[in-house]
Amino acid sequence: MDHSEPYQLYDVDDPPVRDRLGIGIQFLMNTDQEDTQMFDQGIIHVDPGESVTRHVHRYSGETFYGLDGRGEIVVDGDPVPCHADEHLVFIPPGVPHYPRNPDDADETFRAMFVHSPAIINGDTYTVDEEGNPIDGEK
């Protein structure tokens, strides 16, 4: 990364959309790219009827801001709206959650996410409906 400027300018169309956890994810800033460890961020792309695997972050809080569509974040079993330009959803560390786009949605749900601190190895793990870790899945 070029640190010659007092800021970094990121083009949100540059990072590829990767298939991860059943949805598309663009990583804008993360530790794998040698960015800051204070936080990471990116954009999720969730097609109608799709969702991410239920998971927990041990150390990182996660915030979602809806960019397109009318998705939701299921937090500890309760659906929380995350509609474009309307909602900001924060999930503290240790709380099971997952983004989803309802089956009857007309468009892809896109939301910016921010983890603080940045996700590191071992921070995220998959859980069952009661919030218990699923062996071997991270």
Protein backbone atom coordinates (compact mmCIF):
# COMPACT_ATOMS: atom_id res chain seq x y z
CA MET A 1 0.00 0.00 0.00
CA ASP A 2 1.22 3.49 -0.86
CA HIS A 3 1.45 5.62 2.29
CA SER A 4 2.83 8.71 0.59
CA GLU A 5 -0.53 10.51 0.95
CA PRO A 6 -2.28 11.33 4.26
CA TYR A 7 -5.31 9.36 3.00
CA GLN A 8 -6.15 6.28 0.95
CA LEU A 9 -8.65 6.39 -1.91
CA TYR A 10 -10.37 3.10 -2.73
CA ASP A 11 -12.44 2.48 -5.86
CA VAL A 12 -15.32 0.20 -4.82
CA ASP A 13 -15.40 -1.34 -8.31
CA ASP A 14 -11.77 -2.53 -8.12
CA PRO A 15 -11.95 -5.46 -5.67
CA PRO A 16 -13.44 -8.60 -7.21
CA VAL A 17 -16.66 -10.00 -5.78
CA ARG A 18 -15.60 -13.32 -4.22
CA ASP A 19 -17.90 -16.21 -3.40
CA ARG A 20 -17.66 -16.69 0.35
CA LEU A 21 -20.06 -18.16 2.90
CA GLY A 22 -22.69 -18.57 0.18
CA ILE A 23 -22.78 -14.94 -0.99
CA GLY A 24 -20.61 -12.46 -2.88
CA ILE A 25 -18.19 -10.37 -0.81
CA GLN A 26 -15.92 -7.52 -1.89
CA PHE A 27 -13.14 -6.82 0.59
CA LEU A 28 -12.31 -3.11 0.39
CA MET A 29 -9.91 -2.91 3.33
CA ASN A 30 -8.58 -5.86 5.29
CA THR A 31 -5.48 -7.22 6.95
CA ASP A 32 -4.80 -9.60 4.02
CA GLN A 33 -4.19 -6.50 1.91
CA GLU A 34 -1.85 -5.09 4.57
CA ASP A 35 -4.41 -2.47 5.59
CA THR A 36 -5.04 -1.40 9.17
CA GLN A 37 -5.81 -3.94 11.91
CA MET A 38 -8.11 -1.42 13.59
CA PHE A 39 -10.99 -2.38 11.29
CA ASP A 40 -11.84 -4.00 7.98
CA GLN A 41 -14.67 -3.31 5.61
CA GLY A 42 -16.30 -4.46 2.44
CA ILE A 43 -19.58 -4.93 0.62
CA ILE A 44 -21.81 -8.00 0.71
CA HIS A 45 -23.93 -8.99 -2.32
CA VAL A 46 -26.85 -11.25 -1.34
CA ASP A 47 -29.17 -12.48 -4.10
CA PRO A 48 -32.91 -12.96 -3.43
CA GLY A 49 -33.52 -16.01 -1.25
CA GLU A 50 -29.85 -16.29 -0.22
CA SER A 51 -28.17 -15.87 3.16
CA VAL A 52 -24.83 -16.19 4.90
CA THR A 53 -24.10 -19.04 7.28
CA ARG A 54 -25.02 -18.18 10.91
CA HIS A 55 -21.80 -17.18 12.60
CA VAL A 56 -20.18 -15.36 15.53
CA HIS A 57 -17.17 -13.07 15.78
CA ARG A 58 -15.32 -13.61 19.07
CA TYR A 59 -13.56 -10.25 19.22
CA SER A 60 -14.97 -8.06 16.45
CA GLY A 61 -18.15 -6.04 16.45
CA GLU A 62 -19.82 -5.77 13.04
CA THR A 63 -21.82 -2.92 11.55
CA PHE A 64 -23.95 -3.12 8.39
CA TYR A 65 -25.30 -0.22 6.33
CA GLY A 66 -27.80 -1.02 3.55
CA LEU A 67 -26.75 0.22 0.09
CA ASP A 68 -29.25 -1.53 -2.24
CA GLY A 69 -32.35 -3.60 -1.64
CA ARG A 70 -34.35 -4.47 1.44
CA GLY A 71 -32.30 -7.12 3.19
CA GLU A 72 -32.13 -8.00 6.82
CA ILE A 73 -29.63 -9.12 9.41
CA VAL A 74 -30.83 -12.00 11.57
CA VAL A 75 -29.39 -11.21 15.01
CA ASP A 76 -29.68 -13.86 17.72
CA GLY A 77 -32.65 -15.34 15.82
CA ASP A 78 -34.54 -12.06 15.26
CA PRO A 79 -34.74 -10.48 11.78
CA VAL A 80 -33.61 -6.85 11.84
CA PRO A 81 -34.28 -4.68 8.75
CA CYS A 82 -31.26 -3.35 6.88
CA HIS A 83 -32.86 -1.46 4.01
CA ALA A 84 -30.90 0.72 1.59
CA ASP A 85 -30.26 4.23 2.89
CA GLU A 86 -32.45 3.59 5.95
CA HIS A 87 -30.69 1.36 8.46
CA LEU A 88 -27.42 0.89 10.27
CA VAL A 89 -27.22 -2.37 12.24
CA PHE A 90 -24.53 -3.06 14.86
CA ILE A 91 -23.82 -6.55 16.23
CA PRO A 92 -21.51 -6.78 19.25
CA PRO A 93 -18.86 -9.51 19.53
CA GLY A 94 -20.20 -12.91 20.57
CA VAL A 95 -23.71 -12.51 19.11
CA PRO A 96 -24.86 -15.02 16.44
CA HIS A 97 -25.97 -13.31 13.22
CA TYR A 98 -26.21 -13.56 9.46
CA PRO A 99 -27.35 -11.32 6.59
CA ARG A 100 -30.11 -12.56 4.30
CA ASN A 101 -32.23 -11.39 1.39
CA PRO A 102 -35.87 -12.52 1.59
CA ASP A 103 -37.18 -15.01 -1.00
CA ASP A 104 -39.64 -12.46 -2.39
CA ALA A 105 -37.00 -9.74 -2.93
CA ASP A 106 -36.80 -8.09 -6.34
CA GLU A 107 -33.11 -7.20 -6.27
CA THR A 108 -29.74 -8.09 -4.81
CA PHE A 109 -29.26 -6.84 -1.26
CA ARG A 110 -25.98 -4.94 -0.96
CA ALA A 111 -24.64 -3.63 2.33
CA MET A 112 -21.34 -2.23 3.53
CA PHE A 113 -19.91 -4.03 6.56
CA VAL A 114 -17.26 -2.89 9.01
CA HIS A 115 -15.56 -5.13 11.59
CA SER A 116 -13.83 -3.44 14.51
CA PRO A 117 -11.21 -4.58 15.28
CA ALA A 118 -10.35 -6.25 11.99
CA ILE A 119 -11.13 -9.95 11.58
CA ILE A 120 -8.13 -12.14 12.37
CA ASN A 121 -7.73 -15.93 12.12
CA GLY A 122 -9.93 -17.72 14.64
CA ASP A 123 -12.25 -14.75 15.23
CA THR A 124 -15.18 -16.09 13.18
CA TYR A 125 -16.88 -19.43 13.65
CA THR A 126 -20.11 -21.04 12.42
CA VAL A 127 -22.86 -21.78 14.96
CA ASP A 128 -26.10 -23.78 15.05
CA GLU A 129 -29.53 -22.29 15.79
CA GLU A 130 -28.82 -22.26 19.55
CA GLY A 131 -25.50 -20.44 19.04
CA ASN A 132 -23.32 -23.50 19.70
CA PRO A 133 -20.13 -23.82 17.61
CA ILE A 134 -20.29 -26.34 14.78
CA ASP A 135 -17.16 -28.50 14.96
CA GLY A 136 -14.70 -27.99 12.17
CA GLU A 137 -16.39 -24.95 10.60
CA LYS A 138 -14.82 -21.51 10.76
